[in-house]
Amino acid sequence: MIARLRGKVLTKDFEGAVIDVHGVGFRVAMPMTSLEQLPPMGQEAEVFTMMGVREDAIELYGFHDDATRRVFAKLIGVSGVGPRLGMSFLSGMTAAEVVAAVVREDVRALTKVKGVGKKT
């Protein structure tokens, strides 16, 4: 498992970034809250990662800190919440806001995320 990357930011777009680690470019899907924390292209960044393995793909998900990565891991452990929805949660709210909404059982805040209904 790849747990962390440290290298230069090659590209950034609305879905993630490419991080160059000693000549190897890793494509990392990232939520907007983490993308906003990345330094400008060409500068060095540290990204905490989680690898997702499916039948048809191996994907790398990245976060600006380990706490956000841990919240993502908990989110995708919930029935009906996959990596795409987990990323949506963390694009619309910080990890601390997600945790606070869950602790408060704030259904209104949680259902503001596209694809999340009261059942989820």
PDB file of N, CA and C in Angstrom:
ATOM      1  N   MET A   1       0.843  -1.177   0.000  1.00  0.00           N
ATOM      2  CA  MET A   1       0.000   0.000   0.000  1.00  0.00           C
ATOM      3  C   MET A   1       0.886   1.238   0.000  1.00  0.00           C
ATOM      4  N   ILE A   2       0.481   2.245  -0.735  1.00  0.00           N
ATOM      5  CA  ILE A   2       1.187   3.526  -0.763  1.00  0.00           C
ATOM      6  C   ILE A   2       0.495   4.432   0.251  1.00  0.00           C
ATOM      7  N   ALA A   3       1.204   4.814   1.306  1.00  0.00           N
ATOM      8  CA  ALA A   3       0.600   5.582   2.399  1.00  0.00           C
ATOM      9  C   ALA A   3       0.886   7.080   2.321  1.00  0.00           C
ATOM     10  N   ARG A   4       1.978   7.441   1.626  1.00  0.00           N
ATOM     11  CA  ARG A   4       2.351   8.854   1.578  1.00  0.00           C
ATOM     12  C   ARG A   4       3.241   9.087   0.378  1.00  0.00           C
ATOM     13  N   LEU A   5       3.094  10.256  -0.211  1.00  0.00           N
ATOM     14  CA  LEU A   5       3.973  10.680  -1.303  1.00  0.00           C
ATOM     15  C   LEU A   5       4.579  12.023  -0.938  1.00  0.00           C
ATOM     16  N   ARG A   6       5.848  12.193  -1.283  1.00  0.00           N
ATOM     17  CA  ARG A   6       6.474  13.503  -1.152  1.00  0.00           C
ATOM     18  C   ARG A   6       7.202  13.767  -2.450  1.00  0.00           C
ATOM     19  N   GLY A   7       6.844  14.859  -3.104  1.00  0.00           N
ATOM     20  CA  GLY A   7       7.473  15.194  -4.365  1.00  0.00           C
ATOM     21  C   GLY A   7       6.921  16.489  -4.916  1.00  0.00           C
ATOM     22  N   LYS A   8       7.312  16.807  -6.132  1.00  0.00           N
ATOM     23  CA  LYS A   8       6.886  18.056  -6.765  1.00  0.00           C
ATOM     24  C   LYS A   8       5.496  17.910  -7.377  1.00  0.00           C
ATOM     25  N   VAL A   9       4.722  18.968  -7.241  1.00  0.00           N
ATOM     26  CA  VAL A   9       3.398  19.022  -7.863  1.00  0.00           C
ATOM     27  C   VAL A   9       3.621  19.325  -9.348  1.00  0.00           C
ATOM     28  N   LEU A  10       3.260  18.352 -10.204  1.00  0.00           N
ATOM     29  CA  LEU A  10       3.411  18.565 -11.648  1.00  0.00           C
ATOM     30  C   LEU A  10       2.191  19.259 -12.228  1.00  0.00           C
ATOM     31  N   THR A  11       1.007  18.747 -11.890  1.00  0.00           N
ATOM     32  CA  THR A  11      -0.236  19.339 -12.382  1.00  0.00           C
ATOM     33  C   THR A  11      -1.290  19.286 -11.292  1.00  0.00           C
ATOM     34  N   LYS A  12      -2.258  20.176 -11.404  1.00  0.00           N
ATOM     35  CA  LYS A  12      -3.432  20.174 -10.531  1.00  0.00           C
ATOM     36  C   LYS A  12      -4.640  20.465 -11.417  1.00  0.00           C
ATOM     37  N   ASP A  13      -5.741  19.752 -11.160  1.00  0.00           N
ATOM     38  CA  ASP A  13      -6.999  20.070 -11.816  1.00  0.00           C
ATOM     39  C   ASP A  13      -8.125  19.782 -10.835  1.00  0.00           C
ATOM     40  N   PHE A  14      -9.363  19.889 -11.282  1.00  0.00           N
ATOM     41  CA  PHE A  14     -10.489  19.771 -10.352  1.00  0.00           C
ATOM     42  C   PHE A  14     -10.677  18.356  -9.797  1.00  0.00           C
ATOM     43  N   GLU A  15      -9.991  17.372 -10.339  1.00  0.00           N
ATOM     44  CA  GLU A  15     -10.113  15.994  -9.854  1.00  0.00           C
ATOM     45  C   GLU A  15      -8.940  15.547  -8.994  1.00  0.00           C
ATOM     46  N   GLY A  16      -7.816  16.206  -9.105  1.00  0.00           N
ATOM     47  CA  GLY A  16      -6.659  15.780  -8.335  1.00  0.00           C
ATOM     48  C   GLY A  16      -5.380  16.406  -8.820  1.00  0.00           C
ATOM     49  N   ALA A  17      -4.289  15.679  -8.616  1.00  0.00           N
ATOM     50  CA  ALA A  17      -2.972  16.205  -8.961  1.00  0.00           C
ATOM     51  C   ALA A  17      -2.065  15.073  -9.409  1.00  0.00           C
ATOM     52  N   VAL A  18      -0.975  15.460 -10.064  1.00  0.00           N
ATOM     53  CA  VAL A  18       0.098  14.521 -10.369  1.00  0.00           C
ATOM     54  C   VAL A  18       1.290  14.967  -9.541  1.00  0.00           C
ATOM     55  N   ILE A  19       1.797  14.030  -8.734  1.00  0.00           N
ATOM     56  CA  ILE A  19       2.947  14.296  -7.871  1.00  0.00           C
ATOM     57  C   ILE A  19       4.133  13.508  -8.413  1.00  0.00           C
ATOM     58  N   ASP A  20       5.219  14.211  -8.725  1.00  0.00           N
ATOM     59  CA  ASP A  20       6.434  13.576  -9.232  1.00  0.00           C
ATOM     60  C   ASP A  20       7.307  13.177  -8.052  1.00  0.00           C
ATOM     61  N   VAL A  21       7.521  11.868  -7.913  1.00  0.00           N
ATOM     62  CA  VAL A  21       8.378  11.346  -6.854  1.00  0.00           C
ATOM     63  C   VAL A  21       9.574  10.673  -7.525  1.00  0.00           C
ATOM     64  N   HIS A  22      10.704  11.365  -7.556  1.00  0.00           N
ATOM     65  CA  HIS A  22      11.935  10.854  -8.165  1.00  0.00           C
ATOM     66  C   HIS A  22      11.709  10.356  -9.590  1.00  0.00           C
ATOM     67  N   GLY A  23      10.997  11.137 -10.382  1.00  0.00           N
ATOM     68  CA  GLY A  23      10.811  10.820 -11.792  1.00  0.00           C
ATOM     69  C   GLY A  23       9.590   9.987 -12.117  1.00  0.00           C
ATOM     70  N   VAL A  24       8.840   9.560 -11.116  1.00  0.00           N
ATOM     71  CA  VAL A  24       7.612   8.795 -11.342  1.00  0.00           C
ATOM     72  C   VAL A  24       6.432   9.693 -10.987  1.00  0.00           C
ATOM     73  N   GLY A  25       5.534   9.910 -11.944  1.00  0.00           N
ATOM     74  CA  GLY A  25       4.369  10.764 -11.713  1.00  0.00           C
ATOM     75  C   GLY A  25       3.181   9.943 -11.227  1.00  0.00           C
ATOM     76  N   PHE A  26       2.746  10.209 -10.014  1.00  0.00           N
ATOM     77  CA  PHE A  26       1.596   9.519  -9.436  1.00  0.00           C
ATOM     78  C   PHE A  26       0.359  10.394  -9.593  1.00  0.00           C
ATOM     79  N   ARG A  27      -0.671   9.855 -10.266  1.00  0.00           N
ATOM     80  CA  ARG A  27      -1.956  10.553 -10.379  1.00  0.00           C
ATOM     81  C   ARG A  27      -2.731  10.264  -9.104  1.00  0.00           C
ATOM     82  N   VAL A  28      -3.128  11.324  -8.411  1.00  0.00           N
ATOM     83  CA  VAL A  28      -3.794  11.194  -7.120  1.00  0.00           C
ATOM     84  C   VAL A  28      -5.125  11.943  -7.173  1.00  0.00           C
ATOM     85  N   ALA A  29      -6.222  11.226  -6.960  1.00  0.00           N
ATOM     86  CA  ALA A  29      -7.538  11.873  -6.860  1.00  0.00           C
ATOM     87  C   ALA A  29      -7.611  12.539  -5.490  1.00  0.00           C
ATOM     88  N   MET A  30      -8.049  13.795  -5.475  1.00  0.00           N
ATOM     89  CA  MET A  30      -8.085  14.537  -4.212  1.00  0.00           C
ATOM     90  C   MET A  30      -9.369  15.344  -4.092  1.00  0.00           C
ATOM     91  N   PRO A  31      -9.891  15.466  -2.864  1.00  0.00           N
ATOM     92  CA  PRO A  31     -11.040  16.342  -2.664  1.00  0.00           C
ATOM     93  C   PRO A  31     -10.594  17.808  -2.745  1.00  0.00           C
ATOM     94  N   MET A  32     -11.532  18.675  -3.028  1.00  0.00           N
ATOM     95  CA  MET A  32     -11.202  20.097  -3.179  1.00  0.00           C
ATOM     96  C   MET A  32     -10.545  20.685  -1.933  1.00  0.00           C
ATOM     97  N   THR A  33     -10.981  20.253  -0.747  1.00  0.00           N
ATOM     98  CA  THR A  33     -10.398  20.806   0.477  1.00  0.00           C
ATOM     99  C   THR A  33      -8.900  20.492   0.579  1.00  0.00           C
ATOM    100  N   SER A  34      -8.476  19.360   0.034  1.00  0.00           N
ATOM    101  CA  SER A  34      -7.054  19.011   0.042  1.00  0.00           C
ATOM    102  C   SER A  34      -6.312  19.665  -1.116  1.00  0.00           C
ATOM    103  N   LEU A  35      -6.957  19.746  -2.284  1.00  0.00           N
ATOM    104  CA  LEU A  35      -6.324  20.412  -3.431  1.00  0.00           C
ATOM    105  C   LEU A  35      -5.993  21.862  -3.110  1.00  0.00           C
ATOM    106  N   GLU A  36      -6.874  22.509  -2.363  1.00  0.00           N
ATOM    107  CA  GLU A  36      -6.647  23.911  -1.993  1.00  0.00           C
ATOM    108  C   GLU A  36      -5.422  24.069  -1.102  1.00  0.00           C
ATOM    109  N   GLN A  37      -5.048  23.011  -0.401  1.00  0.00           N
ATOM    110  CA  GLN A  37      -3.898  23.064   0.512  1.00  0.00           C
ATOM    111  C   GLN A  37      -2.566  22.758  -0.183  1.00  0.00           C
ATOM    112  N   LEU A  38      -2.634  22.242  -1.411  1.00  0.00           N
ATOM    113  CA  LEU A  38      -1.397  21.930  -2.137  1.00  0.00           C
ATOM    114  C   LEU A  38      -0.656  23.206  -2.509  1.00  0.00           C
ATOM    115  N   PRO A  39       0.673  23.158  -2.487  1.00  0.00           N
ATOM    116  CA  PRO A  39       1.433  24.321  -2.961  1.00  0.00           C
ATOM    117  C   PRO A  39       1.302  24.447  -4.474  1.00  0.00           C
ATOM    118  N   PRO A  40       1.764  25.554  -5.032  1.00  0.00           N
ATOM    119  CA  PRO A  40       1.708  25.745  -6.486  1.00  0.00           C
ATOM    120  C   PRO A  40       2.508  24.677  -7.234  1.00  0.00           C
ATOM    121  N   MET A  41       2.186  24.523  -8.518  1.00  0.00           N
ATOM    122  CA  MET A  41       2.902  23.567  -9.355  1.00  0.00           C
ATOM    123  C   MET A  41       4.399  23.876  -9.328  1.00  0.00           C
ATOM    124  N   GLY A  42       5.206  22.817  -9.304  1.00  0.00           N
ATOM    125  CA  GLY A  42       6.651  22.956  -9.262  1.00  0.00           C
ATOM    126  C   GLY A  42       7.232  22.933  -7.865  1.00  0.00           C
ATOM    127  N   GLN A  43       6.384  23.107  -6.861  1.00  0.00           N
ATOM    128  CA  GLN A  43       6.866  23.082  -5.485  1.00  0.00           C
ATOM    129  C   GLN A  43       6.635  21.707  -4.870  1.00  0.00           C
ATOM    130  N   GLU A  44       7.379  21.414  -3.812  1.00  0.00           N
ATOM    131  CA  GLU A  44       7.270  20.113  -3.162  1.00  0.00           C
ATOM    132  C   GLU A  44       6.048  20.054  -2.251  1.00  0.00           C
ATOM    133  N   ALA A  45       5.405  18.884  -2.253  1.00  0.00           N
ATOM    134  CA  ALA A  45       4.221  18.667  -1.424  1.00  0.00           C
ATOM    135  C   ALA A  45       4.313  17.297  -0.769  1.00  0.00           C
ATOM    136  N   GLU A  46       3.620  17.169   0.335  1.00  0.00           N
ATOM    137  CA  GLU A  46       3.454  15.874   0.991  1.00  0.00           C
ATOM    138  C   GLU A  46       1.969  15.550   0.946  1.00  0.00           C
ATOM    139  N   VAL A  47       1.647  14.347   0.472  1.00  0.00           N
ATOM    140  CA  VAL A  47       0.254  13.925   0.319  1.00  0.00           C
ATOM    141  C   VAL A  47       0.082  12.582   1.005  1.00  0.00           C
ATOM    142  N   PHE A  48      -0.895  12.487   1.895  1.00  0.00           N
ATOM    143  CA  PHE A  48      -1.219  11.232   2.565  1.00  0.00           C
ATOM    144  C   PHE A  48      -2.213  10.489   1.692  1.00  0.00           C
ATOM    145  N   THR A  49      -1.956   9.213   1.451  1.00  0.00           N
ATOM    146  CA  THR A  49      -2.724   8.498   0.434  1.00  0.00           C
ATOM    147  C   THR A  49      -3.391   7.233   0.956  1.00  0.00           C
ATOM    148  N   MET A  50      -4.356   6.808   0.159  1.00  0.00           N
ATOM    149  CA  MET A  50      -5.042   5.542   0.378  1.00  0.00           C
ATOM    150  C   MET A  50      -5.274   4.948  -1.007  1.00  0.00           C
ATOM    151  N   MET A  51      -4.962   3.678  -1.155  1.00  0.00           N
ATOM    152  CA  MET A  51      -5.105   3.030  -2.449  1.00  0.00           C
ATOM    153  C   MET A  51      -6.429   2.276  -2.493  1.00  0.00           C
ATOM    154  N   GLY A  52      -7.119   2.415  -3.612  1.00  0.00           N
ATOM    155  CA  GLY A  52      -8.356   1.685  -3.838  1.00  0.00           C
ATOM    156  C   GLY A  52      -8.144   0.703  -4.979  1.00  0.00           C
ATOM    157  N   VAL A  53      -8.492  -0.541  -4.755  1.00  0.00           N
ATOM    158  CA  VAL A  53      -8.321  -1.570  -5.774  1.00  0.00           C
ATOM    159  C   VAL A  53      -9.694  -2.104  -6.152  1.00  0.00           C
ATOM    160  N   ARG A  54     -10.004  -2.009  -7.444  1.00  0.00           N
ATOM    161  CA  ARG A  54     -11.250  -2.557  -7.979  1.00  0.00           C
ATOM    162  C   ARG A  54     -10.896  -3.552  -9.058  1.00  0.00           C
ATOM    163  N   GLU A  55     -11.911  -4.209  -9.544  1.00  0.00           N
ATOM    164  CA  GLU A  55     -11.704  -5.193 -10.601  1.00  0.00           C
ATOM    165  C   GLU A  55     -11.071  -4.564 -11.836  1.00  0.00           C
ATOM    166  N   ASP A  56     -11.449  -3.315 -12.142  1.00  0.00           N
ATOM    167  CA  ASP A  56     -10.994  -2.684 -13.377  1.00  0.00           C
ATOM    168  C   ASP A  56     -10.032  -1.513 -13.178  1.00  0.00           C
ATOM    169  N   ALA A  57      -9.629  -1.240 -11.935  1.00  0.00           N
ATOM    170  CA  ALA A  57      -8.748  -0.092 -11.726  1.00  0.00           C
ATOM    171  C   ALA A  57      -8.058  -0.145 -10.366  1.00  0.00           C
ATOM    172  N   ILE A  58      -6.894   0.480 -10.317  1.00  0.00           N
ATOM    173  CA  ILE A  58      -6.204   0.742  -9.055  1.00  0.00           C
ATOM    174  C   ILE A  58      -6.107   2.255  -8.977  1.00  0.00           C
ATOM    175  N   GLU A  59      -6.665   2.826  -7.912  1.00  0.00           N
ATOM    176  CA  GLU A  59      -6.704   4.284  -7.784  1.00  0.00           C
ATOM    177  C   GLU A  59      -6.007   4.713  -6.507  1.00  0.00           C
ATOM    178  N   LEU A  60      -5.451   5.912  -6.560  1.00  0.00           N
ATOM    179  CA  LEU A  60      -4.776   6.486  -5.416  1.00  0.00           C
ATOM    180  C   LEU A  60      -5.533   7.741  -5.004  1.00  0.00           C
ATOM    181  N   TYR A  61      -5.946   7.796  -3.738  1.00  0.00           N
ATOM    182  CA  TYR A  61      -6.678   8.943  -3.199  1.00  0.00           C
ATOM    183  C   TYR A  61      -5.730   9.684  -2.267  1.00  0.00           C
ATOM    184  N   GLY A  62      -5.683  11.004  -2.394  1.00  0.00           N
ATOM    185  CA  GLY A  62      -4.734  11.780  -1.612  1.00  0.00           C
ATOM    186  C   GLY A  62      -5.391  12.871  -0.790  1.00  0.00           C
ATOM    187  N   PHE A  63      -4.716  13.204   0.321  1.00  0.00           N
ATOM    188  CA  PHE A  63      -5.244  14.171   1.278  1.00  0.00           C
ATOM    189  C   PHE A  63      -4.113  15.005   1.850  1.00  0.00           C
ATOM    190  N   HIS A  64      -4.424  16.225   2.252  1.00  0.00           N
ATOM    191  CA  HIS A  64      -3.381  17.133   2.729  1.00  0.00           C
ATOM    192  C   HIS A  64      -2.878  16.784   4.127  1.00  0.00           C
ATOM    193  N   ASP A  65      -3.645  15.998   4.876  1.00  0.00           N
ATOM    194  CA  ASP A  65      -3.178  15.556   6.193  1.00  0.00           C
ATOM    195  C   ASP A  65      -3.721  14.158   6.491  1.00  0.00           C
ATOM    196  N   ASP A  66      -3.124  13.517   7.485  1.00  0.00           N
ATOM    197  CA  ASP A  66      -3.507  12.147   7.788  1.00  0.00           C
ATOM    198  C   ASP A  66      -4.888  12.076   8.430  1.00  0.00           C
ATOM    199  N   ALA A  67      -5.299  13.111   9.138  1.00  0.00           N
ATOM    200  CA  ALA A  67      -6.632  13.112   9.754  1.00  0.00           C
ATOM    201  C   ALA A  67      -7.719  13.041   8.679  1.00  0.00           C
ATOM    202  N   THR A  68      -7.541  13.770   7.596  1.00  0.00           N
ATOM    203  CA  THR A  68      -8.513  13.741   6.498  1.00  0.00           C
ATOM    204  C   THR A  68      -8.518  12.369   5.831  1.00  0.00           C
ATOM    205  N   ARG A  69      -7.353  11.767   5.686  1.00  0.00           N
ATOM    206  CA  ARG A  69      -7.283  10.413   5.133  1.00  0.00           C
ATOM    207  C   ARG A  69      -8.041   9.420   6.015  1.00  0.00           C
ATOM    208  N   ARG A  70      -7.897   9.554   7.325  1.00  0.00           N
ATOM    209  CA  ARG A  70      -8.587   8.649   8.255  1.00  0.00           C
ATOM    210  C   ARG A  70     -10.101   8.848   8.193  1.00  0.00           C
ATOM    211  N   VAL A  71     -10.565  10.086   8.068  1.00  0.00           N
ATOM    212  CA  VAL A  71     -12.006  10.345   7.941  1.00  0.00           C
ATOM    213  C   VAL A  71     -12.525   9.722   6.643  1.00  0.00           C
ATOM    214  N   PHE A  72     -11.764   9.856   5.566  1.00  0.00           N
ATOM    215  CA  PHE A  72     -12.147   9.235   4.290  1.00  0.00           C
ATOM    216  C   PHE A  72     -12.284   7.721   4.458  1.00  0.00           C
ATOM    217  N   ALA A  73     -11.332   7.099   5.131  1.00  0.00           N
ATOM    218  CA  ALA A  73     -11.380   5.644   5.345  1.00  0.00           C
ATOM    219  C   ALA A  73     -12.636   5.249   6.119  1.00  0.00           C
ATOM    220  N   LYS A  74     -13.007   6.034   7.115  1.00  0.00           N
ATOM    221  CA  LYS A  74     -14.235   5.753   7.880  1.00  0.00           C
ATOM    222  C   LYS A  74     -15.467   5.949   7.003  1.00  0.00           C
ATOM    223  N   LEU A  75     -15.467   6.997   6.198  1.00  0.00           N
ATOM    224  CA  LEU A  75     -16.622   7.268   5.337  1.00  0.00           C
ATOM    225  C   LEU A  75     -16.871   6.119   4.367  1.00  0.00           C
ATOM    226  N   ILE A  76     -15.823   5.648   3.707  1.00  0.00           N
ATOM    227  CA  ILE A  76     -16.033   4.601   2.707  1.00  0.00           C
ATOM    228  C   ILE A  76     -16.337   3.253   3.357  1.00  0.00           C
ATOM    229  N   GLY A  77     -16.179   3.171   4.670  1.00  0.00           N
ATOM    230  CA  GLY A  77     -16.568   1.971   5.403  1.00  0.00           C
ATOM    231  C   GLY A  77     -18.058   1.914   5.698  1.00  0.00           C
ATOM    232  N   VAL A  78     -18.755   3.017   5.456  1.00  0.00           N
ATOM    233  CA  VAL A  78     -20.202   3.079   5.677  1.00  0.00           C
ATOM    234  C   VAL A  78     -20.908   2.445   4.483  1.00  0.00           C
ATOM    235  N   SER A  79     -21.898   1.623   4.758  1.00  0.00           N
ATOM    236  CA  SER A  79     -22.656   0.974   3.689  1.00  0.00           C
ATOM    237  C   SER A  79     -23.260   2.023   2.758  1.00  0.00           C
ATOM    238  N   GLY A  80     -23.010   1.876   1.471  1.00  0.00           N
ATOM    239  CA  GLY A  80     -23.551   2.797   0.478  1.00  0.00           C
ATOM    240  C   GLY A  80     -22.653   3.980   0.173  1.00  0.00           C
ATOM    241  N   VAL A  81     -21.533   4.100   0.879  1.00  0.00           N
ATOM    242  CA  VAL A  81     -20.600   5.204   0.631  1.00  0.00           C
ATOM    243  C   VAL A  81     -19.319   4.618   0.037  1.00  0.00           C
ATOM    244  N   GLY A  82     -19.077   4.934  -1.218  1.00  0.00           N
ATOM    245  CA  GLY A  82     -17.855   4.492  -1.881  1.00  0.00           C
ATOM    246  C   GLY A  82     -16.863   5.638  -1.967  1.00  0.00           C
ATOM    247  N   PRO A  83     -15.745   5.404  -2.619  1.00  0.00           N
ATOM    248  CA  PRO A  83     -14.716   6.440  -2.739  1.00  0.00           C
ATOM    249  C   PRO A  83     -15.214   7.731  -3.392  1.00  0.00           C
ATOM    250  N   ARG A  84     -16.032   7.619  -4.415  1.00  0.00           N
ATOM    251  CA  ARG A  84     -16.520   8.827  -5.102  1.00  0.00           C
ATOM    252  C   ARG A  84     -17.350   9.689  -4.147  1.00  0.00           C
ATOM    253  N   LEU A  85     -18.243   9.056  -3.394  1.00  0.00           N
ATOM    254  CA  LEU A  85     -19.077   9.800  -2.445  1.00  0.00           C
ATOM    255  C   LEU A  85     -18.238  10.317  -1.272  1.00  0.00           C
ATOM    256  N   GLY A  86     -17.267   9.523  -0.847  1.00  0.00           N
ATOM    257  CA  GLY A  86     -16.357   9.984   0.205  1.00  0.00           C
ATOM    258  C   GLY A  86     -15.613  11.239  -0.216  1.00  0.00           C
ATOM    259  N   MET A  87     -15.178  11.273  -1.478  1.00  0.00           N
ATOM    260  CA  MET A  87     -14.513  12.465  -1.999  1.00  0.00           C
ATOM    261  C   MET A  87     -15.468  13.655  -2.042  1.00  0.00           C
ATOM    262  N   SER A  88     -16.733  13.387  -2.390  1.00  0.00           N
ATOM    263  CA  SER A  88     -17.725  14.470  -2.417  1.00  0.00           C
ATOM    264  C   SER A  88     -17.917  15.060  -1.025  1.00  0.00           C
ATOM    265  N   PHE A  89     -17.985  14.196  -0.018  1.00  0.00           N
ATOM    266  CA  PHE A  89     -18.097  14.681   1.363  1.00  0.00           C
ATOM    267  C   PHE A  89     -16.952  15.635   1.676  1.00  0.00           C
ATOM    268  N   LEU A  90     -15.727  15.200   1.369  1.00  0.00           N
ATOM    269  CA  LEU A  90     -14.551  15.973   1.756  1.00  0.00           C
ATOM    270  C   LEU A  90     -14.240  17.114   0.799  1.00  0.00           C
ATOM    271  N   SER A  91     -14.972  17.204  -0.300  1.00  0.00           N
ATOM    272  CA  SER A  91     -14.850  18.369  -1.172  1.00  0.00           C
ATOM    273  C   SER A  91     -15.774  19.481  -0.689  1.00  0.00           C
ATOM    274  N   GLY A  92     -16.884  19.086  -0.076  1.00  0.00           N
ATOM    275  CA  GLY A  92     -17.858  20.072   0.393  1.00  0.00           C
ATOM    276  C   GLY A  92     -17.655  20.517   1.828  1.00  0.00           C
ATOM    277  N   MET A  93     -16.952  19.698   2.611  1.00  0.00           N
ATOM    278  CA  MET A  93     -16.725  19.997   4.021  1.00  0.00           C
ATOM    279  C   MET A  93     -15.314  19.555   4.400  1.00  0.00           C
ATOM    280  N   THR A  94     -14.762  20.206   5.405  1.00  0.00           N
ATOM    281  CA  THR A  94     -13.478  19.739   5.923  1.00  0.00           C
ATOM    282  C   THR A  94     -13.727  18.462   6.715  1.00  0.00           C
ATOM    283  N   ALA A  95     -12.670  17.741   6.999  1.00  0.00           N
ATOM    284  CA  ALA A  95     -12.802  16.511   7.793  1.00  0.00           C
ATOM    285  C   ALA A  95     -13.411  16.818   9.157  1.00  0.00           C
ATOM    286  N   ALA A  96     -12.993  17.914   9.771  1.00  0.00           N
ATOM    287  CA  ALA A  96     -13.530  18.296  11.079  1.00  0.00           C
ATOM    288  C   ALA A  96     -15.030  18.591  10.998  1.00  0.00           C
ATOM    289  N   GLU A  97     -15.464  19.220   9.905  1.00  0.00           N
ATOM    290  CA  GLU A  97     -16.894  19.508   9.726  1.00  0.00           C
ATOM    291  C   GLU A  97     -17.696  18.229   9.524  1.00  0.00           C
ATOM    292  N   VAL A  98     -17.134  17.265   8.799  1.00  0.00           N
ATOM    293  CA  VAL A  98     -17.818  15.977   8.609  1.00  0.00           C
ATOM    294  C   VAL A  98     -17.977  15.275   9.947  1.00  0.00           C
ATOM    295  N   VAL A  99     -16.898  15.214  10.717  1.00  0.00           N
ATOM    296  CA  VAL A  99     -16.946  14.560  12.026  1.00  0.00           C
ATOM    297  C   VAL A  99     -17.954  15.255  12.933  1.00  0.00           C
ATOM    298  N   ALA A 100     -17.929  16.571  12.954  1.00  0.00           N
ATOM    299  CA  ALA A 100     -18.865  17.324  13.808  1.00  0.00           C
ATOM    300  C   ALA A 100     -20.313  17.068  13.391  1.00  0.00           C
ATOM    301  N   ALA A 101     -20.581  17.020  12.096  1.00  0.00           N
ATOM    302  CA  ALA A 101     -21.949  16.773  11.616  1.00  0.00           C
ATOM    303  C   ALA A 101     -22.412  15.373  12.009  1.00  0.00           C
ATOM    304  N   VAL A 102     -21.523  14.400  11.943  1.00  0.00           N
ATOM    305  CA  VAL A 102     -21.884  13.034  12.341  1.00  0.00           C
ATOM    306  C   VAL A 102     -22.147  12.970  13.843  1.00  0.00           C
ATOM    307  N   VAL A 103     -21.263  13.583  14.624  1.00  0.00           N
ATOM    308  CA  VAL A 103     -21.425  13.574  16.081  1.00  0.00           C
ATOM    309  C   VAL A 103     -22.730  14.250  16.486  1.00  0.00           C
ATOM    310  N   ARG A 104     -23.064  15.367  15.830  1.00  0.00           N
ATOM    311  CA  ARG A 104     -24.309  16.097  16.138  1.00  0.00           C
ATOM    312  C   ARG A 104     -25.538  15.443  15.516  1.00  0.00           C
ATOM    313  N   GLU A 105     -25.291  14.409  14.669  1.00  0.00           N
ATOM    314  CA  GLU A 105     -26.369  13.781  13.902  1.00  0.00           C
ATOM    315  C   GLU A 105     -27.121  14.827  13.078  1.00  0.00           C
ATOM    316  N   ASP A 106     -26.344  15.709  12.460  1.00  0.00           N
ATOM    317  CA  ASP A 106     -26.867  16.818  11.666  1.00  0.00           C
ATOM    318  C   ASP A 106     -27.176  16.339  10.244  1.00  0.00           C
ATOM    319  N   VAL A 107     -28.358  15.773  10.093  1.00  0.00           N
ATOM    320  CA  VAL A 107     -28.777  15.216   8.799  1.00  0.00           C
ATOM    321  C   VAL A 107     -28.792  16.296   7.728  1.00  0.00           C
ATOM    322  N   ARG A 108     -29.199  17.483   8.084  1.00  0.00           N
ATOM    323  CA  ARG A 108     -29.266  18.585   7.106  1.00  0.00           C
ATOM    324  C   ARG A 108     -27.895  18.876   6.500  1.00  0.00           C
ATOM    325  N   ALA A 109     -26.877  18.951   7.340  1.00  0.00           N
ATOM    326  CA  ALA A 109     -25.525  19.231   6.835  1.00  0.00           C
ATOM    327  C   ALA A 109     -25.018  18.086   5.970  1.00  0.00           C
ATOM    328  N   LEU A 110     -25.272  16.861   6.398  1.00  0.00           N
ATOM    329  CA  LEU A 110     -24.769  15.701   5.661  1.00  0.00           C
ATOM    330  C   LEU A 110     -25.487  15.505   4.331  1.00  0.00           C
ATOM    331  N   THR A 111     -26.773  15.824   4.265  1.00  0.00           N
ATOM    332  CA  THR A 111     -27.520  15.624   3.018  1.00  0.00           C
ATOM    333  C   THR A 111     -27.303  16.751   2.016  1.00  0.00           C
ATOM    334  N   LYS A 112     -26.528  17.759   2.372  1.00  0.00           N
ATOM    335  CA  LYS A 112     -26.162  18.794   1.409  1.00  0.00           C
ATOM    336  C   LYS A 112     -25.165  18.264   0.377  1.00  0.00           C
ATOM    337  N   VAL A 113     -24.519  17.170   0.712  1.00  0.00           N
ATOM    338  CA  VAL A 113     -23.561  16.552  -0.213  1.00  0.00           C
ATOM    339  C   VAL A 113     -24.339  15.846  -1.313  1.00  0.00           C
ATOM    340  N   LYS A 114     -23.978  16.142  -2.561  1.00  0.00           N
ATOM    341  CA  LYS A 114     -24.666  15.532  -3.702  1.00  0.00           C
ATOM    342  C   LYS A 114     -24.534  14.012  -3.628  1.00  0.00           C
ATOM    343  N   GLY A 115     -25.666  13.337  -3.729  1.00  0.00           N
ATOM    344  CA  GLY A 115     -25.685  11.883  -3.708  1.00  0.00           C
ATOM    345  C   GLY A 115     -25.981  11.291  -2.338  1.00  0.00           C
ATOM    346  N   VAL A 116     -26.128  12.145  -1.324  1.00  0.00           N
ATOM    347  CA  VAL A 116     -26.410  11.666   0.021  1.00  0.00           C
ATOM    348  C   VAL A 116     -27.850  11.979   0.391  1.00  0.00           C
ATOM    349  N   GLY A 117     -28.577  10.939   0.735  1.00  0.00           N
ATOM    350  CA  GLY A 117     -29.942  11.106   1.196  1.00  0.00           C
ATOM    351  C   GLY A 117     -30.031  10.779   2.668  1.00  0.00           C
ATOM    352  N   LYS A 118     -31.208  10.905   3.232  1.00  0.00           N
ATOM    353  CA  LYS A 118     -31.402  10.649   4.667  1.00  0.00           C
ATOM    354  C   LYS A 118     -31.058   9.208   5.032  1.00  0.00           C
ATOM    355  N   LYS A 119     -31.315   8.277   4.131  1.00  0.00           N
ATOM    356  CA  LYS A 119     -31.017   6.873   4.405  1.00  0.00           C
ATOM    357  C   LYS A 119     -29.522   6.649   4.614  1.00  0.00           C
ATOM    358  N   THR A 120     -28.716   7.271   3.772  1.00  0.00           N
ATOM    359  CA  THR A 120     -27.265   7.130   3.897  1.00  0.00           C
ATOM    360  C   THR A 120     -26.800   7.757   5.185  1.00  0.00           C
TER     361      THR A 120
END
